[in-house]
Amino acid sequence: MLIPPKIKPIPVDKTGALIDIRAIDQHEILGVQHPVSADDYIALKHSTTARLGLGRVGTRYTTRSVLRLRADHAAAKDSVWSDVAPEFITKMAFIPIQSTCTTETEYLTRPDHGRAIAASA
């Protein structure tokens, strides 16, 4: 006799739209069924940036864990490839300088060029 899997519903807001998976604080989600001490487990998750207690379905991670990892990875890639607004640089009182790199790709692939300041700066 087959037993259907216990699937948790995907969270939705009051309009019925899906909630962004990255909006859910992963430090507050247990991810492991029946921990010995849920409070200690949550405290451990708060003490590190590591992904603890992703949960498993057989030999694989849960779908929710994989989707969260992919969403976080996409956000990290977006932040690397996005430009910083000049207004933000001024507001934070940063000193704008130019490295010897001429393109974003060169900056990411040649860290030695990214560390060298251009003669014009």
PDB file of N, CA and C in Angstrom:
ATOM      1  N   MET A   1       0.832  -1.178   0.000  1.00  0.00           N
ATOM      2  CA  MET A   1       0.000   0.000   0.000  1.00  0.00           C
ATOM      3  C   MET A   1       0.883   1.251   0.000  1.00  0.00           C
ATOM      4  N   LEU A   2       0.645   2.138  -0.936  1.00  0.00           N
ATOM      5  CA  LEU A   2       1.408   3.374  -1.028  1.00  0.00           C
ATOM      6  C   LEU A   2       0.862   4.418  -0.068  1.00  0.00           C
ATOM      7  N   ILE A   3       1.764   5.111   0.585  1.00  0.00           N
ATOM      8  CA  ILE A   3       1.384   6.184   1.494  1.00  0.00           C
ATOM      9  C   ILE A   3       1.766   7.495   0.832  1.00  0.00           C
ATOM     10  N   PRO A   4       0.807   8.390   0.663  1.00  0.00           N
ATOM     11  CA  PRO A   4       1.148   9.662   0.013  1.00  0.00           C
ATOM     12  C   PRO A   4       2.075  10.484   0.895  1.00  0.00           C
ATOM     13  N   PRO A   5       2.985  11.246   0.264  1.00  0.00           N
ATOM     14  CA  PRO A   5       3.906  12.061   1.062  1.00  0.00           C
ATOM     15  C   PRO A   5       3.173  13.200   1.757  1.00  0.00           C
ATOM     16  N   LYS A   6       3.718  13.601   2.896  1.00  0.00           N
ATOM     17  CA  LYS A   6       3.166  14.746   3.618  1.00  0.00           C
ATOM     18  C   LYS A   6       3.813  15.994   3.052  1.00  0.00           C
ATOM     19  N   ILE A   7       3.052  16.777   2.321  1.00  0.00           N
ATOM     20  CA  ILE A   7       3.579  17.967   1.661  1.00  0.00           C
ATOM     21  C   ILE A   7       3.062  19.198   2.387  1.00  0.00           C
ATOM     22  N   LYS A   8       4.002  20.072   2.768  1.00  0.00           N
ATOM     23  CA  LYS A   8       3.618  21.313   3.411  1.00  0.00           C
ATOM     24  C   LYS A   8       3.165  22.291   2.335  1.00  0.00           C
ATOM     25  N   PRO A   9       2.114  23.040   2.593  1.00  0.00           N
ATOM     26  CA  PRO A   9       1.653  24.006   1.586  1.00  0.00           C
ATOM     27  C   PRO A   9       2.659  25.128   1.397  1.00  0.00           C
ATOM     28  N   ILE A  10       2.719  25.635   0.182  1.00  0.00           N
ATOM     29  CA  ILE A  10       3.579  26.772  -0.120  1.00  0.00           C
ATOM     30  C   ILE A  10       2.933  28.009   0.491  1.00  0.00           C
ATOM     31  N   PRO A  11       3.716  28.844   1.196  1.00  0.00           N
ATOM     32  CA  PRO A  11       3.118  30.017   1.833  1.00  0.00           C
ATOM     33  C   PRO A  11       2.628  31.038   0.808  1.00  0.00           C
ATOM     34  N   VAL A  12       1.447  31.578   1.067  1.00  0.00           N
ATOM     35  CA  VAL A  12       0.865  32.613   0.210  1.00  0.00           C
ATOM     36  C   VAL A  12       0.445  33.788   1.083  1.00  0.00           C
ATOM     37  N   ASP A  13       0.391  34.979   0.466  1.00  0.00           N
ATOM     38  CA  ASP A  13      -0.056  36.152   1.226  1.00  0.00           C
ATOM     39  C   ASP A  13      -1.580  36.227   1.189  1.00  0.00           C
ATOM     40  N   LYS A  14      -2.147  37.293   1.751  1.00  0.00           N
ATOM     41  CA  LYS A  14      -3.609  37.393   1.858  1.00  0.00           C
ATOM     42  C   LYS A  14      -4.301  37.519   0.504  1.00  0.00           C
ATOM     43  N   THR A  15      -3.538  37.874  -0.546  1.00  0.00           N
ATOM     44  CA  THR A  15      -4.139  37.956  -1.885  1.00  0.00           C
ATOM     45  C   THR A  15      -4.044  36.636  -2.635  1.00  0.00           C
ATOM     46  N   GLY A  16      -3.327  35.680  -2.054  1.00  0.00           N
ATOM     47  CA  GLY A  16      -3.168  34.384  -2.708  1.00  0.00           C
ATOM     48  C   GLY A  16      -1.891  34.277  -3.521  1.00  0.00           C
ATOM     49  N   ALA A  17      -1.079  35.340  -3.541  1.00  0.00           N
ATOM     50  CA  ALA A  17       0.184  35.318  -4.274  1.00  0.00           C
ATOM     51  C   ALA A  17       1.242  34.566  -3.468  1.00  0.00           C
ATOM     52  N   LEU A  18       2.136  33.886  -4.160  1.00  0.00           N
ATOM     53  CA  LEU A  18       3.206  33.164  -3.487  1.00  0.00           C
ATOM     54  C   LEU A  18       4.141  34.139  -2.792  1.00  0.00           C
ATOM     55  N   ILE A  19       4.566  33.783  -1.594  1.00  0.00           N
ATOM     56  CA  ILE A  19       5.516  34.605  -0.851  1.00  0.00           C
ATOM     57  C   ILE A  19       6.915  34.243  -1.336  1.00  0.00           C
ATOM     58  N   ASP A  20       7.739  35.272  -1.533  1.00  0.00           N
ATOM     59  CA  ASP A  20       9.124  35.052  -1.968  1.00  0.00           C
ATOM     60  C   ASP A  20       9.814  34.142  -0.967  1.00  0.00           C
ATOM     61  N   ILE A  21      10.396  33.066  -1.450  1.00  0.00           N
ATOM     62  CA  ILE A  21      11.016  32.075  -0.570  1.00  0.00           C
ATOM     63  C   ILE A  21      12.173  32.685   0.223  1.00  0.00           C
ATOM     64  N   ARG A  22      12.791  33.743  -0.303  1.00  0.00           N
ATOM     65  CA  ARG A  22      13.897  34.381   0.405  1.00  0.00           C
ATOM     66  C   ARG A  22      13.418  35.277   1.540  1.00  0.00           C
ATOM     67  N   ALA A  23      12.125  35.582   1.582  1.00  0.00           N
ATOM     68  CA  ALA A  23      11.585  36.437   2.643  1.00  0.00           C
ATOM     69  C   ALA A  23      11.423  35.664   3.951  1.00  0.00           C
ATOM     70  N   ILE A  24      11.482  34.367   3.896  1.00  0.00           N
ATOM     71  CA  ILE A  24      11.322  33.532   5.089  1.00  0.00           C
ATOM     72  C   ILE A  24      12.684  33.377   5.765  1.00  0.00           C
ATOM     73  N   ASP A  25      12.772  33.699   7.048  1.00  0.00           N
ATOM     74  CA  ASP A  25      14.025  33.602   7.791  1.00  0.00           C
ATOM     75  C   ASP A  25      14.371  32.136   8.025  1.00  0.00           C
ATOM     76  N   GLN A  26      15.447  31.682   7.394  1.00  0.00           N
ATOM     77  CA  GLN A  26      15.846  30.272   7.499  1.00  0.00           C
ATOM     78  C   GLN A  26      16.329  29.895   8.895  1.00  0.00           C
ATOM     79  N   HIS A  27      16.687  30.888   9.698  1.00  0.00           N
ATOM     80  CA  HIS A  27      17.120  30.582  11.057  1.00  0.00           C
ATOM     81  C   HIS A  27      15.956  30.156  11.940  1.00  0.00           C
ATOM     82  N   GLU A  28      14.746  30.457  11.516  1.00  0.00           N
ATOM     83  CA  GLU A  28      13.572  30.126  12.323  1.00  0.00           C
ATOM     84  C   GLU A  28      12.897  28.830  11.889  1.00  0.00           C
ATOM     85  N   ILE A  29      13.354  28.239  10.802  1.00  0.00           N
ATOM     86  CA  ILE A  29      12.749  27.005  10.301  1.00  0.00           C
ATOM     87  C   ILE A  29      13.574  25.818  10.773  1.00  0.00           C
ATOM     88  N   LEU A  30      12.916  24.849  11.388  1.00  0.00           N
ATOM     89  CA  LEU A  30      13.645  23.695  11.906  1.00  0.00           C
ATOM     90  C   LEU A  30      14.281  22.886  10.773  1.00  0.00           C
ATOM     91  N   GLY A  31      13.521  22.479   9.785  1.00  0.00           N
ATOM     92  CA  GLY A  31      14.075  21.725   8.668  1.00  0.00           C
ATOM     93  C   GLY A  31      14.336  20.265   8.985  1.00  0.00           C
ATOM     94  N   VAL A  32      14.445  19.920  10.251  1.00  0.00           N
ATOM     95  CA  VAL A  32      14.674  18.541  10.676  1.00  0.00           C
ATOM     96  C   VAL A  32      13.473  18.115  11.497  1.00  0.00           C
ATOM     97  N   GLN A  33      12.972  16.936  11.195  1.00  0.00           N
ATOM     98  CA  GLN A  33      11.802  16.471  11.937  1.00  0.00           C
ATOM     99  C   GLN A  33      12.208  15.951  13.311  1.00  0.00           C
ATOM    100  N   HIS A  34      11.494  16.360  14.310  1.00  0.00           N
ATOM    101  CA  HIS A  34      11.636  15.872  15.685  1.00  0.00           C
ATOM    102  C   HIS A  34      13.049  16.052  16.249  1.00  0.00           C
ATOM    103  N   PRO A  35      13.575  17.286  16.308  1.00  0.00           N
ATOM    104  CA  PRO A  35      14.885  17.466  16.943  1.00  0.00           C
ATOM    105  C   PRO A  35      14.781  17.208  18.439  1.00  0.00           C
ATOM    106  N   VAL A  36      15.872  16.831  19.041  1.00  0.00           N
ATOM    107  CA  VAL A  36      15.884  16.548  20.476  1.00  0.00           C
ATOM    108  C   VAL A  36      15.509  17.794  21.263  1.00  0.00           C
ATOM    109  N   SER A  37      16.092  18.938  20.886  1.00  0.00           N
ATOM    110  CA  SER A  37      15.781  20.205  21.556  1.00  0.00           C
ATOM    111  C   SER A  37      15.630  21.278  20.485  1.00  0.00           C
ATOM    112  N   ALA A  38      14.397  21.638  20.201  1.00  0.00           N
ATOM    113  CA  ALA A  38      14.131  22.623  19.151  1.00  0.00           C
ATOM    114  C   ALA A  38      14.751  23.974  19.495  1.00  0.00           C
ATOM    115  N   ASP A  39      14.713  24.381  20.768  1.00  0.00           N
ATOM    116  CA  ASP A  39      15.273  25.673  21.168  1.00  0.00           C
ATOM    117  C   ASP A  39      16.788  25.708  20.962  1.00  0.00           C
ATOM    118  N   ASP A  40      17.480  24.639  21.352  1.00  0.00           N
ATOM    119  CA  ASP A  40      18.931  24.581  21.160  1.00  0.00           C
ATOM    120  C   ASP A  40      19.274  24.527  19.673  1.00  0.00           C
ATOM    121  N   TYR A  41      18.462  23.837  18.908  1.00  0.00           N
ATOM    122  CA  TYR A  41      18.686  23.727  17.468  1.00  0.00           C
ATOM    123  C   TYR A  41      18.544  25.104  16.800  1.00  0.00           C
ATOM    124  N   ILE A  42      17.518  25.850  17.165  1.00  0.00           N
ATOM    125  CA  ILE A  42      17.323  27.204  16.623  1.00  0.00           C
ATOM    126  C   ILE A  42      18.480  28.104  17.047  1.00  0.00           C
ATOM    127  N   ALA A  43      18.920  27.988  18.301  1.00  0.00           N
ATOM    128  CA  ALA A  43      20.061  28.785  18.780  1.00  0.00           C
ATOM    129  C   ALA A  43      21.316  28.454  17.980  1.00  0.00           C
ATOM    130  N   LEU A  44      21.523  27.194  17.661  1.00  0.00           N
ATOM    131  CA  LEU A  44      22.668  26.786  16.853  1.00  0.00           C
ATOM    132  C   LEU A  44      22.584  27.389  15.453  1.00  0.00           C
ATOM    133  N   LYS A  45      21.392  27.387  14.861  1.00  0.00           N
ATOM    134  CA  LYS A  45      21.216  27.964  13.531  1.00  0.00           C
ATOM    135  C   LYS A  45      21.489  29.467  13.542  1.00  0.00           C
ATOM    136  N   HIS A  46      21.148  30.152  14.642  1.00  0.00           N
ATOM    137  CA  HIS A  46      21.394  31.589  14.749  1.00  0.00           C
ATOM    138  C   HIS A  46      22.884  31.900  14.931  1.00  0.00           C
ATOM    139  N   SER A  47      23.673  30.924  15.353  1.00  0.00           N
ATOM    140  CA  SER A  47      25.080  31.174  15.646  1.00  0.00           C
ATOM    141  C   SER A  47      25.987  31.033  14.422  1.00  0.00           C
ATOM    142  N   THR A  48      25.437  30.682  13.271  1.00  0.00           N
ATOM    143  CA  THR A  48      26.269  30.465  12.094  1.00  0.00           C
ATOM    144  C   THR A  48      25.535  30.888  10.823  1.00  0.00           C
ATOM    145  N   THR A  49      26.308  31.145   9.780  1.00  0.00           N
ATOM    146  CA  THR A  49      25.705  31.442   8.481  1.00  0.00           C
ATOM    147  C   THR A  49      25.579  30.175   7.640  1.00  0.00           C
ATOM    148  N   ALA A  50      26.058  29.048   8.169  1.00  0.00           N
ATOM    149  CA  ALA A  50      25.975  27.783   7.445  1.00  0.00           C
ATOM    150  C   ALA A  50      24.515  27.356   7.298  1.00  0.00           C
ATOM    151  N   ARG A  51      24.251  26.593   6.287  1.00  0.00           N
ATOM    152  CA  ARG A  51      22.900  26.062   6.069  1.00  0.00           C
ATOM    153  C   ARG A  51      22.766  24.763   6.865  1.00  0.00           C
ATOM    154  N   LEU A  52      22.138  24.855   8.010  1.00  0.00           N
ATOM    155  CA  LEU A  52      21.959  23.692   8.877  1.00  0.00           C
ATOM    156  C   LEU A  52      20.540  23.159   8.750  1.00  0.00           C
ATOM    157  N   GLY A  53      20.408  21.861   8.864  1.00  0.00           N
ATOM    158  CA  GLY A  53      19.085  21.249   8.905  1.00  0.00           C
ATOM    159  C   GLY A  53      18.273  21.473   7.655  1.00  0.00           C
ATOM    160  N   LEU A  54      18.839  21.143   6.505  1.00  0.00           N
ATOM    161  CA  LEU A  54      18.115  21.336   5.255  1.00  0.00           C
ATOM    162  C   LEU A  54      17.004  20.314   5.079  1.00  0.00           C
ATOM    163  N   GLY A  55      17.117  19.214   5.767  1.00  0.00           N
ATOM    164  CA  GLY A  55      16.107  18.176   5.641  1.00  0.00           C
ATOM    165  C   GLY A  55      16.378  17.299   4.426  1.00  0.00           C
ATOM    166  N   ARG A  56      15.833  16.123   4.452  1.00  0.00           N
ATOM    167  CA  ARG A  56      16.046  15.182   3.355  1.00  0.00           C
ATOM    168  C   ARG A  56      14.750  14.467   3.015  1.00  0.00           C
ATOM    169  N   VAL A  57      14.689  14.073   1.759  1.00  0.00           N
ATOM    170  CA  VAL A  57      13.633  13.194   1.282  1.00  0.00           C
ATOM    171  C   VAL A  57      14.370  12.049   0.615  1.00  0.00           C
ATOM    172  N   GLY A  58      14.500  10.946   1.325  1.00  0.00           N
ATOM    173  CA  GLY A  58      15.321   9.855   0.811  1.00  0.00           C
ATOM    174  C   GLY A  58      16.776  10.283   0.828  1.00  0.00           C
ATOM    175  N   THR A  59      17.423  10.225  -0.330  1.00  0.00           N
ATOM    176  CA  THR A  59      18.831  10.602  -0.420  1.00  0.00           C
ATOM    177  C   THR A  59      19.024  12.039  -0.881  1.00  0.00           C
ATOM    178  N   ARG A  60      17.938  12.746  -1.115  1.00  0.00           N
ATOM    179  CA  ARG A  60      18.028  14.107  -1.644  1.00  0.00           C
ATOM    180  C   ARG A  60      17.566  15.141  -0.605  1.00  0.00           C
ATOM    181  N   TYR A  61      18.009  16.410  -0.838  1.00  0.00           N
ATOM    182  CA  TYR A  61      17.507  17.505  -0.017  1.00  0.00           C
ATOM    183  C   TYR A  61      16.049  17.771  -0.361  1.00  0.00           C
ATOM    184  N   THR A  62      15.345  18.420   0.535  1.00  0.00           N
ATOM    185  CA  THR A  62      13.950  18.754   0.262  1.00  0.00           C
ATOM    186  C   THR A  62      13.879  19.782  -0.872  1.00  0.00           C
ATOM    187  N   THR A  63      12.771  19.800  -1.548  1.00  0.00           N
ATOM    188  CA  THR A  63      12.578  20.749  -2.649  1.00  0.00           C
ATOM    189  C   THR A  63      12.696  22.172  -2.151  1.00  0.00           C
ATOM    190  N   ARG A  64      12.122  22.456  -0.999  1.00  0.00           N
ATOM    191  CA  ARG A  64      12.174  23.799  -0.427  1.00  0.00           C
ATOM    192  C   ARG A  64      13.625  24.241  -0.189  1.00  0.00           C
ATOM    193  N   SER A  65      14.475  23.337   0.305  1.00  0.00           N
ATOM    194  CA  SER A  65      15.878  23.666   0.553  1.00  0.00           C
ATOM    195  C   SER A  65      16.617  23.954  -0.751  1.00  0.00           C
ATOM    196  N   VAL A  66      16.356  23.158  -1.766  1.00  0.00           N
ATOM    197  CA  VAL A  66      17.016  23.359  -3.061  1.00  0.00           C
ATOM    198  C   VAL A  66      16.559  24.663  -3.697  1.00  0.00           C
ATOM    199  N   LEU A  67      15.261  24.946  -3.627  1.00  0.00           N
ATOM    200  CA  LEU A  67      14.756  26.198  -4.195  1.00  0.00           C
ATOM    201  C   LEU A  67      15.336  27.407  -3.471  1.00  0.00           C
ATOM    202  N   ARG A  68      15.482  27.327  -2.148  1.00  0.00           N
ATOM    203  CA  ARG A  68      16.054  28.439  -1.379  1.00  0.00           C
ATOM    204  C   ARG A  68      17.524  28.648  -1.762  1.00  0.00           C
ATOM    205  N   LEU A  69      18.269  27.559  -1.916  1.00  0.00           N
ATOM    206  CA  LEU A  69      19.663  27.665  -2.310  1.00  0.00           C
ATOM    207  C   LEU A  69      19.782  28.334  -3.681  1.00  0.00           C
ATOM    208  N   ARG A  70      18.935  27.918  -4.618  1.00  0.00           N
ATOM    209  CA  ARG A  70      18.980  28.504  -5.957  1.00  0.00           C
ATOM    210  C   ARG A  70      18.564  29.971  -5.951  1.00  0.00           C
ATOM    211  N   ALA A  71      17.582  30.320  -5.128  1.00  0.00           N
ATOM    212  CA  ALA A  71      17.155  31.719  -5.025  1.00  0.00           C
ATOM    213  C   ALA A  71      18.262  32.577  -4.418  1.00  0.00           C
ATOM    214  N   ASP A  72      18.935  32.077  -3.382  1.00  0.00           N
ATOM    215  CA  ASP A  72      20.032  32.816  -2.759  1.00  0.00           C
ATOM    216  C   ASP A  72      21.199  32.969  -3.737  1.00  0.00           C
ATOM    217  N   HIS A  73      21.471  31.933  -4.503  1.00  0.00           N
ATOM    218  CA  HIS A  73      22.559  31.993  -5.479  1.00  0.00           C
ATOM    219  C   HIS A  73      22.248  33.019  -6.566  1.00  0.00           C
ATOM    220  N   ALA A  74      21.007  33.039  -7.024  1.00  0.00           N
ATOM    221  CA  ALA A  74      20.614  34.017  -8.044  1.00  0.00           C
ATOM    222  C   ALA A  74      20.737  35.438  -7.509  1.00  0.00           C
ATOM    223  N   ALA A  75      20.345  35.647  -6.263  1.00  0.00           N
ATOM    224  CA  ALA A  75      20.456  36.982  -5.662  1.00  0.00           C
ATOM    225  C   ALA A  75      21.912  37.393  -5.525  1.00  0.00           C
ATOM    226  N   ALA A  76      22.782  36.447  -5.176  1.00  0.00           N
ATOM    227  CA  ALA A  76      24.205  36.755  -5.055  1.00  0.00           C
ATOM    228  C   ALA A  76      24.794  37.129  -6.410  1.00  0.00           C
ATOM    229  N   LYS A  77      24.414  36.393  -7.449  1.00  0.00           N
ATOM    230  CA  LYS A  77      24.900  36.722  -8.789  1.00  0.00           C
ATOM    231  C   LYS A  77      24.408  38.099  -9.217  1.00  0.00           C
ATOM    232  N   ASP A  78      23.155  38.401  -8.928  1.00  0.00           N
ATOM    233  CA  ASP A  78      22.607  39.716  -9.273  1.00  0.00           C
ATOM    234  C   ASP A  78      23.372  40.831  -8.571  1.00  0.00           C
ATOM    235  N   SER A  79      23.724  40.613  -7.311  1.00  0.00           N
ATOM    236  CA  SER A  79      24.425  41.669  -6.577  1.00  0.00           C
ATOM    237  C   SER A  79      25.836  41.878  -7.110  1.00  0.00           C
ATOM    238  N   VAL A  80      26.478  40.824  -7.587  1.00  0.00           N
ATOM    239  CA  VAL A  80      27.822  40.960  -8.144  1.00  0.00           C
ATOM    240  C   VAL A  80      27.791  41.727  -9.458  1.00  0.00           C
ATOM    241  N   TRP A  81      26.783  41.467 -10.267  1.00  0.00           N
ATOM    242  CA  TRP A  81      26.742  42.059 -11.604  1.00  0.00           C
ATOM    243  C   TRP A  81      25.973  43.368 -11.673  1.00  0.00           C
ATOM    244  N   SER A  82      25.427  43.846 -10.557  1.00  0.00           N
ATOM    245  CA  SER A  82      24.680  45.103 -10.604  1.00  0.00           C
ATOM    246  C   SER A  82      25.600  46.287 -10.301  1.00  0.00           C
ATOM    247  N   ASP A  83      25.233  47.426 -10.817  1.00  0.00           N
ATOM    248  CA  ASP A  83      26.005  48.648 -10.583  1.00  0.00           C
ATOM    249  C   ASP A  83      25.564  49.306  -9.286  1.00  0.00           C
ATOM    250  N   VAL A  84      26.490  50.024  -8.670  1.00  0.00           N
ATOM    251  CA  VAL A  84      26.182  50.802  -7.481  1.00  0.00           C
ATOM    252  C   VAL A  84      25.835  52.213  -7.943  1.00  0.00           C
ATOM    253  N   ALA A  85      24.717  52.714  -7.468  1.00  0.00           N
ATOM    254  CA  ALA A  85      24.282  54.053  -7.859  1.00  0.00           C
ATOM    255  C   ALA A  85      25.253  55.106  -7.335  1.00  0.00           C
ATOM    256  N   PRO A  86      25.600  56.087  -8.165  1.00  0.00           N
ATOM    257  CA  PRO A  86      26.504  57.164  -7.702  1.00  0.00           C
ATOM    258  C   PRO A  86      25.965  57.893  -6.473  1.00  0.00           C
ATOM    259  N   GLU A  87      24.629  57.996  -6.359  1.00  0.00           N
ATOM    260  CA  GLU A  87      24.040  58.650  -5.192  1.00  0.00           C
ATOM    261  C   GLU A  87      24.375  57.898  -3.907  1.00  0.00           C
ATOM    262  N   PHE A  88      24.390  56.569  -3.994  1.00  0.00           N
ATOM    263  CA  PHE A  88      24.711  55.747  -2.825  1.00  0.00           C
ATOM    264  C   PHE A  88      26.165  55.967  -2.415  1.00  0.00           C
ATOM    265  N   ILE A  89      27.057  56.057  -3.377  1.00  0.00           N
ATOM    266  CA  ILE A  89      28.474  56.280  -3.085  1.00  0.00           C
ATOM    267  C   ILE A  89      28.646  57.613  -2.374  1.00  0.00           C
ATOM    268  N   THR A  90      27.959  58.642  -2.858  1.00  0.00           N
ATOM    269  CA  THR A  90      28.031  59.963  -2.230  1.00  0.00           C
ATOM    270  C   THR A  90      27.428  59.938  -0.835  1.00  0.00           C
ATOM    271  N   LYS A  91      26.271  59.309  -0.694  1.00  0.00           N
ATOM    272  CA  LYS A  91      25.580  59.250   0.596  1.00  0.00           C
ATOM    273  C   LYS A  91      26.427  58.547   1.656  1.00  0.00           C
ATOM    274  N   MET A  92      27.137  57.496   1.261  1.00  0.00           N
ATOM    275  CA  MET A  92      27.951  56.727   2.202  1.00  0.00           C
ATOM    276  C   MET A  92      29.341  57.326   2.397  1.00  0.00           C
ATOM    277  N   ALA A  93      29.630  58.420   1.690  1.00  0.00           N
ATOM    278  CA  ALA A  93      30.921  59.119   1.774  1.00  0.00           C
ATOM    279  C   ALA A  93      32.083  58.219   1.356  1.00  0.00           C
ATOM    280  N   PHE A  94      31.836  57.335   0.391  1.00  0.00           N
ATOM    281  CA  PHE A  94      32.898  56.509  -0.159  1.00  0.00           C
ATOM    282  C   PHE A  94      33.753  57.347  -1.093  1.00  0.00           C
ATOM    283  N   ILE A  95      34.988  56.961  -1.247  1.00  0.00           N
ATOM    284  CA  ILE A  95      35.875  57.643  -2.180  1.00  0.00           C
ATOM    285  C   ILE A  95      35.892  56.824  -3.470  1.00  0.00           C
ATOM    286  N   PRO A  96      35.353  57.357  -4.554  1.00  0.00           N
ATOM    287  CA  PRO A  96      35.355  56.591  -5.806  1.00  0.00           C
ATOM    288  C   PRO A  96      36.751  56.544  -6.414  1.00  0.00           C
ATOM    289  N   ILE A  97      37.205  55.349  -6.739  1.00  0.00           N
ATOM    290  CA  ILE A  97      38.484  55.167  -7.406  1.00  0.00           C
ATOM    291  C   ILE A  97      38.293  54.230  -8.579  1.00  0.00           C
ATOM    292  N   GLN A  98      39.247  54.179  -9.455  1.00  0.00           N
ATOM    293  CA  GLN A  98      39.183  53.324 -10.634  1.00  0.00           C
ATOM    294  C   GLN A  98      40.354  52.354 -10.592  1.00  0.00           C
ATOM    295  N   SER A  99      40.059  51.076 -10.779  1.00  0.00           N
ATOM    296  CA  SER A  99      41.138  50.089 -10.861  1.00  0.00           C
ATOM    297  C   SER A  99      41.654  50.066 -12.296  1.00  0.00           C
ATOM    298  N   THR A 100      42.627  49.226 -12.556  1.00  0.00           N
ATOM    299  CA  THR A 100      43.177  49.123 -13.910  1.00  0.00           C
ATOM    300  C   THR A 100      42.283  48.295 -14.822  1.00  0.00           C
ATOM    301  N   CYS A 101      41.202  47.754 -14.294  1.00  0.00           N
ATOM    302  CA  CYS A 101      40.275  46.960 -15.107  1.00  0.00           C
ATOM    303  C   CYS A 101      39.461  47.878 -16.010  1.00  0.00           C
ATOM    304  N   THR A 102      39.151  47.361 -17.175  1.00  0.00           N
ATOM    305  CA  THR A 102      38.346  48.141 -18.117  1.00  0.00           C
ATOM    306  C   THR A 102      36.935  47.600 -18.242  1.00  0.00           C
ATOM    307  N   THR A 103      36.698  46.349 -17.805  1.00  0.00           N
ATOM    308  CA  THR A 103      35.362  45.745 -17.885  1.00  0.00           C
ATOM    309  C   THR A 103      35.054  45.015 -16.584  1.00  0.00           C
ATOM    310  N   GLU A 104      33.775  44.727 -16.368  1.00  0.00           N
ATOM    311  CA  GLU A 104      33.361  43.960 -15.186  1.00  0.00           C
ATOM    312  C   GLU A 104      33.929  42.545 -15.236  1.00  0.00           C
ATOM    313  N   THR A 105      33.950  41.962 -16.421  1.00  0.00           N
ATOM    314  CA  THR A 105      34.466  40.602 -16.567  1.00  0.00           C
ATOM    315  C   THR A 105      35.937  40.554 -16.183  1.00  0.00           C
ATOM    316  N   GLU A 106      36.689  41.530 -16.626  1.00  0.00           N
ATOM    317  CA  GLU A 106      38.112  41.570 -16.274  1.00  0.00           C
ATOM    318  C   GLU A 106      38.270  41.712 -14.759  1.00  0.00           C
ATOM    319  N   TYR A 107      37.439  42.529 -14.139  1.00  0.00           N
ATOM    320  CA  TYR A 107      37.510  42.716 -12.687  1.00  0.00           C
ATOM    321  C   TYR A 107      37.270  41.397 -11.949  1.00  0.00           C
ATOM    322  N   LEU A 108      36.307  40.613 -12.422  1.00  0.00           N
ATOM    323  CA  LEU A 108      35.975  39.358 -11.749  1.00  0.00           C
ATOM    324  C   LEU A 108      36.959  38.232 -12.075  1.00  0.00           C
ATOM    325  N   THR A 109      37.538  38.272 -13.260  1.00  0.00           N
ATOM    326  CA  THR A 109      38.436  37.182 -13.662  1.00  0.00           C
ATOM    327  C   THR A 109      39.903  37.478 -13.390  1.00  0.00           C
ATOM    328  N   ARG A 110      40.245  38.742 -13.168  1.00  0.00           N
ATOM    329  CA  ARG A 110      41.635  39.126 -12.901  1.00  0.00           C
ATOM    330  C   ARG A 110      41.709  39.944 -11.620  1.00  0.00           C
ATOM    331  N   PRO A 111      41.670  39.288 -10.460  1.00  0.00           N
ATOM    332  CA  PRO A 111      41.705  40.023  -9.195  1.00  0.00           C
ATOM    333  C   PRO A 111      42.962  40.889  -9.047  1.00  0.00           C
ATOM    334  N   ASP A 112      44.060  40.497  -9.673  1.00  0.00           N
ATOM    335  CA  ASP A 112      45.274  41.305  -9.585  1.00  0.00           C
ATOM    336  C   ASP A 112      45.090  42.668 -10.244  1.00  0.00           C
ATOM    337  N   HIS A 113      44.341  42.719 -11.331  1.00  0.00           N
ATOM    338  CA  HIS A 113      44.033  44.004 -11.980  1.00  0.00           C
ATOM    339  C   HIS A 113      43.053  44.812 -11.134  1.00  0.00           C
ATOM    340  N   GLY A 114      42.127  44.129 -10.496  1.00  0.00           N
ATOM    341  CA  GLY A 114      41.144  44.820  -9.658  1.00  0.00           C
ATOM    342  C   GLY A 114      41.764  45.472  -8.437  1.00  0.00           C
ATOM    343  N   ARG A 115      42.883  44.934  -7.947  1.00  0.00           N
ATOM    344  CA  ARG A 115      43.548  45.510  -6.777  1.00  0.00           C
ATOM    345  C   ARG A 115      44.458  46.677  -7.131  1.00  0.00           C
ATOM    346  N   ALA A 116      44.813  46.802  -8.416  1.00  0.00           N
ATOM    347  CA  ALA A 116      45.726  47.879  -8.823  1.00  0.00           C
ATOM    348  C   ALA A 116      44.905  49.125  -9.183  1.00  0.00           C
ATOM    349  N   ILE A 117      45.293  50.263  -8.620  1.00  0.00           N
ATOM    350  CA  ILE A 117      44.587  51.515  -8.880  1.00  0.00           C
ATOM    351  C   ILE A 117      45.151  52.146 -10.149  1.00  0.00           C
ATOM    352  N   ALA A 118      44.241  52.631 -10.983  1.00  0.00           N
ATOM    353  CA  ALA A 118      44.647  53.255 -12.241  1.00  0.00           C
ATOM    354  C   ALA A 118      45.461  54.511 -11.962  1.00  0.00           C
ATOM    355  N   ALA A 119      46.389  54.844 -12.858  1.00  0.00           N
ATOM    356  CA  ALA A 119      47.262  56.003 -12.681  1.00  0.00           C
ATOM    357  C   ALA A 119      46.452  57.304 -12.631  1.00  0.00           C
ATOM    358  N   SER A 120      45.333  57.345 -13.353  1.00  0.00           N
ATOM    359  CA  SER A 120      44.506  58.554 -13.371  1.00  0.00           C
ATOM    360  C   SER A 120      43.811  58.810 -12.031  1.00  0.00           C
ATOM    361  N   ALA A 121      43.648  57.777 -11.219  1.00  0.00           N
ATOM    362  CA  ALA A 121      42.986  57.923  -9.920  1.00  0.00           C
ATOM    363  C   ALA A 121      43.986  58.380  -8.883  1.00  0.00           C
TER     364      ALA A 121
END
